[in-house]
């Protein structure tokens, strides 16, 4: 018997994403200045993001083809939804 088992949270902070995984930004929960800055960098709703790794307390991410290092406080304000089929198990 085949069945799909998908354990994906609907929304989570970028800091909770596993290294190497991709996601889409659902919203930015920040004040006006930080929100503007993140949007200028490409962190907009529906943008594709991949967590490259963590180095010296910063998250290294790829957003729309550009690499950035974000502090964990800043990354906590970026809410994401995991890509629909990453992490899905078939069994």
PDB file of N, CA and C in Angstrom:
ATOM      1  N   UNK A   1       0.848  -1.177   0.000  1.00  0.00           N
ATOM      2  CA  UNK A   1       0.000   0.000   0.000  1.00  0.00           C
ATOM      3  C   UNK A   1       0.893   1.239   0.000  1.00  0.00           C
ATOM      4  N   UNK A   2       0.684   2.123  -0.940  1.00  0.00           N
ATOM      5  CA  UNK A   2       1.432   3.385  -0.991  1.00  0.00           C
ATOM      6  C   UNK A   2       0.617   4.477  -0.332  1.00  0.00           C
ATOM      7  N   UNK A   3       1.292   5.283   0.427  1.00  0.00           N
ATOM      8  CA  UNK A   3       0.621   6.447   1.003  1.00  0.00           C
ATOM      9  C   UNK A   3       1.652   7.549   1.171  1.00  0.00           C
ATOM     10  N   UNK A   4       1.194   8.752   1.102  1.00  0.00           N
ATOM     11  CA  UNK A   4       2.069   9.917   1.256  1.00  0.00           C
ATOM     12  C   UNK A   4       2.016  10.354   2.693  1.00  0.00           C
ATOM     13  N   UNK A   5       3.181  10.642   3.233  1.00  0.00           N
ATOM     14  CA  UNK A   5       3.232  11.200   4.580  1.00  0.00           C
ATOM     15  C   UNK A   5       4.059  12.472   4.485  1.00  0.00           C
ATOM     16  N   UNK A   6       3.419  13.584   4.739  1.00  0.00           N
ATOM     17  CA  UNK A   6       4.093  14.869   4.640  1.00  0.00           C
ATOM     18  C   UNK A   6       3.943  15.582   5.971  1.00  0.00           C
ATOM     19  N   UNK A   7       5.060  15.850   6.627  1.00  0.00           N
ATOM     20  CA  UNK A   7       5.062  16.559   7.902  1.00  0.00           C
ATOM     21  C   UNK A   7       5.671  17.939   7.702  1.00  0.00           C
ATOM     22  N   UNK A   8       4.941  18.820   7.079  1.00  0.00           N
ATOM     23  CA  UNK A   8       5.441  20.157   6.814  1.00  0.00           C
ATOM     24  C   UNK A   8       4.615  21.168   7.591  1.00  0.00           C
ATOM     25  N   UNK A   9       5.261  21.997   8.405  1.00  0.00           N
ATOM     26  CA  UNK A   9       4.507  23.050   9.066  1.00  0.00           C
ATOM     27  C   UNK A   9       4.038  24.049   8.030  1.00  0.00           C
ATOM     28  N   UNK A  10       2.898  24.656   8.281  1.00  0.00           N
ATOM     29  CA  UNK A  10       2.364  25.625   7.328  1.00  0.00           C
ATOM     30  C   UNK A  10       3.283  26.836   7.212  1.00  0.00           C
ATOM     31  N   UNK A  11       3.818  27.271   8.332  1.00  0.00           N
ATOM     32  CA  UNK A  11       4.668  28.460   8.336  1.00  0.00           C
ATOM     33  C   UNK A  11       5.625  28.378   9.513  1.00  0.00           C
ATOM     34  N   UNK A  12       6.874  28.825   9.289  1.00  0.00           N
ATOM     35  CA  UNK A  12       7.868  28.794  10.357  1.00  0.00           C
ATOM     36  C   UNK A  12       8.908  29.868  10.091  1.00  0.00           C
ATOM     37  N   UNK A  13       9.668  30.264  11.117  1.00  0.00           N
ATOM     38  CA  UNK A  13      10.747  31.229  10.877  1.00  0.00           C
ATOM     39  C   UNK A  13      11.855  30.600  10.037  1.00  0.00           C
ATOM     40  N   UNK A  14      12.541  31.407   9.274  1.00  0.00           N
ATOM     41  CA  UNK A  14      13.643  30.945   8.430  1.00  0.00           C
ATOM     42  C   UNK A  14      14.697  30.196   9.245  1.00  0.00           C
ATOM     43  N   UNK A  15      14.886  30.553  10.501  1.00  0.00           N
ATOM     44  CA  UNK A  15      15.893  29.915  11.356  1.00  0.00           C
ATOM     45  C   UNK A  15      15.611  28.434  11.589  1.00  0.00           C
ATOM     46  N   UNK A  16      14.373  27.978  11.389  1.00  0.00           N
ATOM     47  CA  UNK A  16      14.011  26.587  11.642  1.00  0.00           C
ATOM     48  C   UNK A  16      14.207  25.692  10.416  1.00  0.00           C
ATOM     49  N   UNK A  17      14.552  26.279   9.294  1.00  0.00           N
ATOM     50  CA  UNK A  17      14.749  25.509   8.066  1.00  0.00           C
ATOM     51  C   UNK A  17      16.024  24.674   8.182  1.00  0.00           C
ATOM     52  N   UNK A  18      15.989  23.450   7.699  1.00  0.00           N
ATOM     53  CA  UNK A  18      17.165  22.582   7.729  1.00  0.00           C
ATOM     54  C   UNK A  18      18.139  22.995   6.634  1.00  0.00           C
ATOM     55  N   UNK A  19      19.421  22.830   6.935  1.00  0.00           N
ATOM     56  CA  UNK A  19      20.471  23.169   5.980  1.00  0.00           C
ATOM     57  C   UNK A  19      20.271  22.415   4.665  1.00  0.00           C
ATOM     58  N   UNK A  20      20.377  23.133   3.559  1.00  0.00           N
ATOM     59  CA  UNK A  20      20.225  22.543   2.238  1.00  0.00           C
ATOM     60  C   UNK A  20      18.798  22.507   1.725  1.00  0.00           C
ATOM     61  N   UNK A  21      17.841  22.830   2.577  1.00  0.00           N
ATOM     62  CA  UNK A  21      16.431  22.786   2.185  1.00  0.00           C
ATOM     63  C   UNK A  21      15.993  24.106   1.568  1.00  0.00           C
ATOM     64  N   UNK A  22      14.979  24.018   0.741  1.00  0.00           N
ATOM     65  CA  UNK A  22      14.422  25.193   0.096  1.00  0.00           C
ATOM     66  C   UNK A  22      13.053  25.534   0.659  1.00  0.00           C
ATOM     67  N   UNK A  23      12.639  26.771   0.443  1.00  0.00           N
ATOM     68  CA  UNK A  23      11.341  27.220   0.922  1.00  0.00           C
ATOM     69  C   UNK A  23      10.906  28.451   0.136  1.00  0.00           C
ATOM     70  N   UNK A  24       9.719  28.918   0.429  1.00  0.00           N
ATOM     71  CA  UNK A  24       9.200  30.149  -0.141  1.00  0.00           C
ATOM     72  C   UNK A  24       8.851  31.083   1.017  1.00  0.00           C
ATOM     73  N   UNK A  25       9.129  32.351   0.839  1.00  0.00           N
ATOM     74  CA  UNK A  25       8.810  33.339   1.869  1.00  0.00           C
ATOM     75  C   UNK A  25       7.310  33.583   1.861  1.00  0.00           C
ATOM     76  N   UNK A  26       6.700  33.535   3.038  1.00  0.00           N
ATOM     77  CA  UNK A  26       5.270  33.806   3.141  1.00  0.00           C
ATOM     78  C   UNK A  26       5.012  35.222   3.644  1.00  0.00           C
ATOM     79  N   UNK A  27       5.862  35.711   4.550  1.00  0.00           N
ATOM     80  CA  UNK A  27       5.724  37.095   5.013  1.00  0.00           C
ATOM     81  C   UNK A  27       6.968  37.523   5.775  1.00  0.00           C
ATOM     82  N   UNK A  28       7.120  38.830   5.902  1.00  0.00           N
ATOM     83  CA  UNK A  28       8.216  39.406   6.685  1.00  0.00           C
ATOM     84  C   UNK A  28       7.574  40.148   7.841  1.00  0.00           C
ATOM     85  N   UNK A  29       7.840  39.702   9.064  1.00  0.00           N
ATOM     86  CA  UNK A  29       7.261  40.293  10.271  1.00  0.00           C
ATOM     87  C   UNK A  29       8.297  41.194  10.937  1.00  0.00           C
ATOM     88  N   UNK A  30       8.490  42.355  10.379  1.00  0.00           N
ATOM     89  CA  UNK A  30       9.517  43.268  10.890  1.00  0.00           C
ATOM     90  C   UNK A  30       8.983  44.688  10.862  1.00  0.00           C
ATOM     91  N   UNK A  31       9.699  45.569  11.554  1.00  0.00           N
ATOM     92  CA  UNK A  31       9.364  46.984  11.530  1.00  0.00           C
ATOM     93  C   UNK A  31       9.586  47.552  10.138  1.00  0.00           C
ATOM     94  N   UNK A  32       9.131  48.770   9.941  1.00  0.00           N
ATOM     95  CA  UNK A  32       9.152  49.396   8.612  1.00  0.00           C
ATOM     96  C   UNK A  32      10.550  49.447   7.992  1.00  0.00           C
ATOM     97  N   UNK A  33      11.550  49.844   8.754  1.00  0.00           N
ATOM     98  CA  UNK A  33      12.902  49.992   8.196  1.00  0.00           C
ATOM     99  C   UNK A  33      13.521  48.646   7.816  1.00  0.00           C
ATOM    100  N   UNK A  34      13.444  47.673   8.721  1.00  0.00           N
ATOM    101  CA  UNK A  34      14.002  46.356   8.426  1.00  0.00           C
ATOM    102  C   UNK A  34      13.223  45.695   7.294  1.00  0.00           C
ATOM    103  N   UNK A  35      11.916  45.845   7.306  1.00  0.00           N
ATOM    104  CA  UNK A  35      11.078  45.290   6.252  1.00  0.00           C
ATOM    105  C   UNK A  35      11.500  45.846   4.888  1.00  0.00           C
ATOM    106  N   UNK A  36      11.691  47.156   4.809  1.00  0.00           N
ATOM    107  CA  UNK A  36      12.105  47.807   3.567  1.00  0.00           C
ATOM    108  C   UNK A  36      13.462  47.266   3.119  1.00  0.00           C
ATOM    109  N   UNK A  37      14.380  47.148   4.064  1.00  0.00           N
ATOM    110  CA  UNK A  37      15.725  46.652   3.751  1.00  0.00           C
ATOM    111  C   UNK A  37      15.690  45.226   3.217  1.00  0.00           C
ATOM    112  N   UNK A  38      14.915  44.359   3.864  1.00  0.00           N
ATOM    113  CA  UNK A  38      14.806  42.965   3.423  1.00  0.00           C
ATOM    114  C   UNK A  38      14.150  42.864   2.045  1.00  0.00           C
ATOM    115  N   UNK A  39      13.131  43.672   1.807  1.00  0.00           N
ATOM    116  CA  UNK A  39      12.465  43.671   0.502  1.00  0.00           C
ATOM    117  C   UNK A  39      13.438  44.122  -0.580  1.00  0.00           C
ATOM    118  N   UNK A  40      14.245  45.129  -0.288  1.00  0.00           N
ATOM    119  CA  UNK A  40      15.243  45.592  -1.262  1.00  0.00           C
ATOM    120  C   UNK A  40      16.267  44.500  -1.577  1.00  0.00           C
ATOM    121  N   UNK A  41      16.524  43.620  -0.610  1.00  0.00           N
ATOM    122  CA  UNK A  41      17.475  42.524  -0.803  1.00  0.00           C
ATOM    123  C   UNK A  41      16.840  41.354  -1.553  1.00  0.00           C
ATOM    124  N   UNK A  42      15.519  41.373  -1.713  1.00  0.00           N
ATOM    125  CA  UNK A  42      14.835  40.305  -2.434  1.00  0.00           C
ATOM    126  C   UNK A  42      14.008  39.371  -1.570  1.00  0.00           C
ATOM    127  N   UNK A  43      13.917  39.641  -0.269  1.00  0.00           N
ATOM    128  CA  UNK A  43      13.131  38.808   0.638  1.00  0.00           C
ATOM    129  C   UNK A  43      11.668  39.253   0.585  1.00  0.00           C
ATOM    130  N   UNK A  44      11.003  38.893  -0.494  1.00  0.00           N
ATOM    131  CA  UNK A  44       9.609  39.279  -0.711  1.00  0.00           C
ATOM    132  C   UNK A  44       8.733  38.025  -0.694  1.00  0.00           C
ATOM    133  N   UNK A  45       7.446  38.177  -0.390  1.00  0.00           N
ATOM    134  CA  UNK A  45       6.553  37.017  -0.410  1.00  0.00           C
ATOM    135  C   UNK A  45       6.646  36.275  -1.744  1.00  0.00           C
ATOM    136  N   UNK A  46       6.671  34.980  -1.671  1.00  0.00           N
ATOM    137  CA  UNK A  46       6.778  34.044  -2.796  1.00  0.00           C
ATOM    138  C   UNK A  46       8.193  33.885  -3.331  1.00  0.00           C
ATOM    139  N   UNK A  47       9.175  34.627  -2.798  1.00  0.00           N
ATOM    140  CA  UNK A  47      10.561  34.453  -3.232  1.00  0.00           C
ATOM    141  C   UNK A  47      11.078  33.100  -2.768  1.00  0.00           C
ATOM    142  N   UNK A  48      11.928  32.497  -3.559  1.00  0.00           N
ATOM    143  CA  UNK A  48      12.527  31.205  -3.254  1.00  0.00           C
ATOM    144  C   UNK A  48      13.793  31.409  -2.428  1.00  0.00           C
ATOM    145  N   UNK A  49      13.918  30.656  -1.341  1.00  0.00           N
ATOM    146  CA  UNK A  49      15.069  30.754  -0.442  1.00  0.00           C
ATOM    147  C   UNK A  49      15.612  29.355  -0.161  1.00  0.00           C
ATOM    148  N   UNK A  50      16.939  29.237  -0.110  1.00  0.00           N
ATOM    149  CA  UNK A  50      17.576  27.978   0.279  1.00  0.00           C
ATOM    150  C   UNK A  50      18.601  28.282   1.364  1.00  0.00           C
ATOM    151  N   UNK A  51      18.558  27.517   2.436  1.00  0.00           N
ATOM    152  CA  UNK A  51      19.524  27.679   3.525  1.00  0.00           C
ATOM    153  C   UNK A  51      20.805  26.948   3.137  1.00  0.00           C
ATOM    154  N   UNK A  52      21.876  27.702   2.964  1.00  0.00           N
ATOM    155  CA  UNK A  52      23.164  27.137   2.575  1.00  0.00           C
ATOM    156  C   UNK A  52      23.877  26.559   3.798  1.00  0.00           C
ATOM    157  N   UNK A  53      23.836  27.281   4.900  1.00  0.00           N
ATOM    158  CA  UNK A  53      24.495  26.819   6.115  1.00  0.00           C
ATOM    159  C   UNK A  53      24.479  27.882   7.183  1.00  0.00           C
ATOM    160  N   UNK A  54      25.206  27.607   8.248  1.00  0.00           N
ATOM    161  CA  UNK A  54      25.293  28.528   9.371  1.00  0.00           C
ATOM    162  C   UNK A  54      26.772  28.725   9.686  1.00  0.00           C
ATOM    163  N   UNK A  55      27.187  29.973   9.760  1.00  0.00           N
ATOM    164  CA  UNK A  55      28.591  30.273  10.003  1.00  0.00           C
ATOM    165  C   UNK A  55      28.713  31.460  10.950  1.00  0.00           C
ATOM    166  N   UNK A  56      29.434  31.265  12.042  1.00  0.00           N
ATOM    167  CA  UNK A  56      29.668  32.321  13.038  1.00  0.00           C
ATOM    168  C   UNK A  56      28.366  32.963  13.528  1.00  0.00           C
ATOM    169  N   UNK A  57      27.345  32.163  13.710  1.00  0.00           N
ATOM    170  CA  UNK A  57      26.080  32.670  14.223  1.00  0.00           C
ATOM    171  C   UNK A  57      25.178  33.297  13.176  1.00  0.00           C
ATOM    172  N   UNK A  58      25.610  33.334  11.936  1.00  0.00           N
ATOM    173  CA  UNK A  58      24.791  33.880  10.854  1.00  0.00           C
ATOM    174  C   UNK A  58      24.277  32.755   9.973  1.00  0.00           C
ATOM    175  N   UNK A  59      23.103  32.965   9.394  1.00  0.00           N
ATOM    176  CA  UNK A  59      22.573  32.024   8.431  1.00  0.00           C
ATOM    177  C   UNK A  59      23.012  32.462   7.047  1.00  0.00           C
ATOM    178  N   UNK A  60      23.577  31.549   6.284  1.00  0.00           N
ATOM    179  CA  UNK A  60      23.946  31.830   4.906  1.00  0.00           C
ATOM    180  C   UNK A  60      22.810  31.327   4.032  1.00  0.00           C
ATOM    181  N   UNK A  61      22.202  32.230   3.276  1.00  0.00           N
ATOM    182  CA  UNK A  61      21.046  31.871   2.463  1.00  0.00           C
ATOM    183  C   UNK A  61      21.232  32.321   1.021  1.00  0.00           C
ATOM    184  N   UNK A  62      20.516  31.649   0.150  1.00  0.00           N
ATOM    185  CA  UNK A  62      20.461  32.033  -1.248  1.00  0.00           C
ATOM    186  C   UNK A  62      19.019  32.425  -1.520  1.00  0.00           C
ATOM    187  N   UNK A  63      18.815  33.669  -1.932  1.00  0.00           N
ATOM    188  CA  UNK A  63      17.467  34.137  -2.262  1.00  0.00           C
ATOM    189  C   UNK A  63      17.491  34.681  -3.683  1.00  0.00           C
ATOM    190  N   UNK A  64      16.689  34.097  -4.525  1.00  0.00           N
ATOM    191  CA  UNK A  64      16.596  34.510  -5.930  1.00  0.00           C
ATOM    192  C   UNK A  64      17.962  34.605  -6.600  1.00  0.00           C
ATOM    193  N   UNK A  65      18.859  33.677  -6.283  1.00  0.00           N
ATOM    194  CA  UNK A  65      20.170  33.645  -6.916  1.00  0.00           C
ATOM    195  C   UNK A  65      21.247  34.472  -6.239  1.00  0.00           C
ATOM    196  N   UNK A  66      20.914  35.226  -5.216  1.00  0.00           N
ATOM    197  CA  UNK A  66      21.901  36.041  -4.490  1.00  0.00           C
ATOM    198  C   UNK A  66      22.162  35.423  -3.114  1.00  0.00           C
ATOM    199  N   UNK A  67      23.431  35.489  -2.663  1.00  0.00           N
ATOM    200  CA  UNK A  67      23.799  34.956  -1.345  1.00  0.00           C
ATOM    201  C   UNK A  67      23.857  36.068  -0.316  1.00  0.00           C
ATOM    202  N   UNK A  68      23.338  35.775   0.877  1.00  0.00           N
ATOM    203  CA  UNK A  68      23.364  36.728   1.983  1.00  0.00           C
ATOM    204  C   UNK A  68      23.692  36.007   3.278  1.00  0.00           C
ATOM    205  N   UNK A  69      24.267  36.729   4.218  1.00  0.00           N
ATOM    206  CA  UNK A  69      24.447  36.254   5.588  1.00  0.00           C
ATOM    207  C   UNK A  69      23.497  37.077   6.450  1.00  0.00           C
ATOM    208  N   UNK A  70      22.606  36.397   7.151  1.00  0.00           N
ATOM    209  CA  UNK A  70      21.634  37.074   8.011  1.00  0.00           C
ATOM    210  C   UNK A  70      21.873  36.685   9.457  1.00  0.00           C
ATOM    211  N   UNK A  71      21.772  37.648  10.350  1.00  0.00           N
ATOM    212  CA  UNK A  71      21.804  37.346  11.772  1.00  0.00           C
ATOM    213  C   UNK A  71      20.551  36.576  12.142  1.00  0.00           C
ATOM    214  N   UNK A  72      20.621  35.790  13.203  1.00  0.00           N
ATOM    215  CA  UNK A  72      19.472  34.967  13.593  1.00  0.00           C
ATOM    216  C   UNK A  72      18.265  35.813  13.975  1.00  0.00           C
ATOM    217  N   UNK A  73      18.489  36.970  14.579  1.00  0.00           N
ATOM    218  CA  UNK A  73      17.376  37.851  14.938  1.00  0.00           C
ATOM    219  C   UNK A  73      16.618  38.315  13.706  1.00  0.00           C
ATOM    220  N   UNK A  74      17.360  38.664  12.675  1.00  0.00           N
ATOM    221  CA  UNK A  74      16.749  39.109  11.421  1.00  0.00           C
ATOM    222  C   UNK A  74      16.031  37.937  10.751  1.00  0.00           C
ATOM    223  N   UNK A  75      16.655  36.769  10.746  1.00  0.00           N
ATOM    224  CA  UNK A  75      16.067  35.592  10.105  1.00  0.00           C
ATOM    225  C   UNK A  75      14.794  35.128  10.805  1.00  0.00           C
ATOM    226  N   UNK A  76      14.673  35.385  12.111  1.00  0.00           N
ATOM    227  CA  UNK A  76      13.460  35.015  12.856  1.00  0.00           C
ATOM    228  C   UNK A  76      12.242  35.794  12.366  1.00  0.00           C
ATOM    229  N   UNK A  77      12.459  36.931  11.753  1.00  0.00           N
ATOM    230  CA  UNK A  77      11.359  37.773  11.290  1.00  0.00           C
ATOM    231  C   UNK A  77      10.875  37.403   9.889  1.00  0.00           C
ATOM    232  N   UNK A  78      11.582  36.479   9.245  1.00  0.00           N
ATOM    233  CA  UNK A  78      11.210  36.035   7.902  1.00  0.00           C
ATOM    234  C   UNK A  78      10.485  34.703   8.031  1.00  0.00           C
ATOM    235  N   UNK A  79       9.188  34.720   7.747  1.00  0.00           N
ATOM    236  CA  UNK A  79       8.379  33.513   7.848  1.00  0.00           C
ATOM    237  C   UNK A  79       8.356  32.814   6.491  1.00  0.00           C
ATOM    238  N   UNK A  80       8.557  31.488   6.523  1.00  0.00           N
ATOM    239  CA  UNK A  80       8.659  30.720   5.286  1.00  0.00           C
ATOM    240  C   UNK A  80       7.740  29.511   5.312  1.00  0.00           C
ATOM    241  N   UNK A  81       7.481  28.983   4.127  1.00  0.00           N
ATOM    242  CA  UNK A  81       6.754  27.730   3.954  1.00  0.00           C
ATOM    243  C   UNK A  81       7.678  26.790   3.194  1.00  0.00           C
ATOM    244  N   UNK A  82       7.939  25.595   3.713  1.00  0.00           N
ATOM    245  CA  UNK A  82       8.831  24.659   3.024  1.00  0.00           C
ATOM    246  C   UNK A  82       8.298  24.328   1.634  1.00  0.00           C
ATOM    247  N   UNK A  83       9.211  24.030   0.697  1.00  0.00           N
ATOM    248  CA  UNK A  83       8.797  23.581  -0.633  1.00  0.00           C
ATOM    249  C   UNK A  83       7.924  22.350  -0.461  1.00  0.00           C
ATOM    250  N   UNK A  84       6.892  22.244  -1.237  1.00  0.00           N
ATOM    251  CA  UNK A  84       5.847  21.241  -1.036  1.00  0.00           C
ATOM    252  C   UNK A  84       6.329  19.797  -1.062  1.00  0.00           C
ATOM    253  N   UNK A  85       7.323  19.443  -1.871  1.00  0.00           N
ATOM    254  CA  UNK A  85       7.725  18.040  -1.951  1.00  0.00           C
ATOM    255  C   UNK A  85       9.039  17.734  -1.275  1.00  0.00           C
ATOM    256  N   UNK A  86       9.756  18.747  -0.774  1.00  0.00           N
ATOM    257  CA  UNK A  86      10.999  18.457  -0.049  1.00  0.00           C
ATOM    258  C   UNK A  86      10.632  17.874   1.298  1.00  0.00           C
ATOM    259  N   UNK A  87      11.207  16.770   1.622  1.00  0.00           N
ATOM    260  CA  UNK A  87      10.943  16.131   2.910  1.00  0.00           C
ATOM    261  C   UNK A  87       9.741  15.199   2.872  1.00  0.00           C
ATOM    262  N   UNK A  88       9.041  15.126   1.750  1.00  0.00           N
ATOM    263  CA  UNK A  88       7.896  14.226   1.658  1.00  0.00           C
ATOM    264  C   UNK A  88       8.404  12.792   1.578  1.00  0.00           C
ATOM    265  N   UNK A  89       7.726  11.922   2.263  1.00  0.00           N
ATOM    266  CA  UNK A  89       8.111  10.511   2.245  1.00  0.00           C
ATOM    267  C   UNK A  89       7.024   9.703   1.547  1.00  0.00           C
ATOM    268  N   UNK A  90       7.451   8.792   0.728  1.00  0.00           N
ATOM    269  CA  UNK A  90       6.505   7.887   0.078  1.00  0.00           C
ATOM    270  C   UNK A  90       6.740   6.513   0.665  1.00  0.00           C
ATOM    271  N   UNK A  91       5.689   5.888   1.156  1.00  0.00           N
ATOM    272  CA  UNK A  91       5.886   4.576   1.740  1.00  0.00           C
ATOM    273  C   UNK A  91       4.617   3.852   1.971  1.00  0.00           C
TER     274      UNK A  91
END
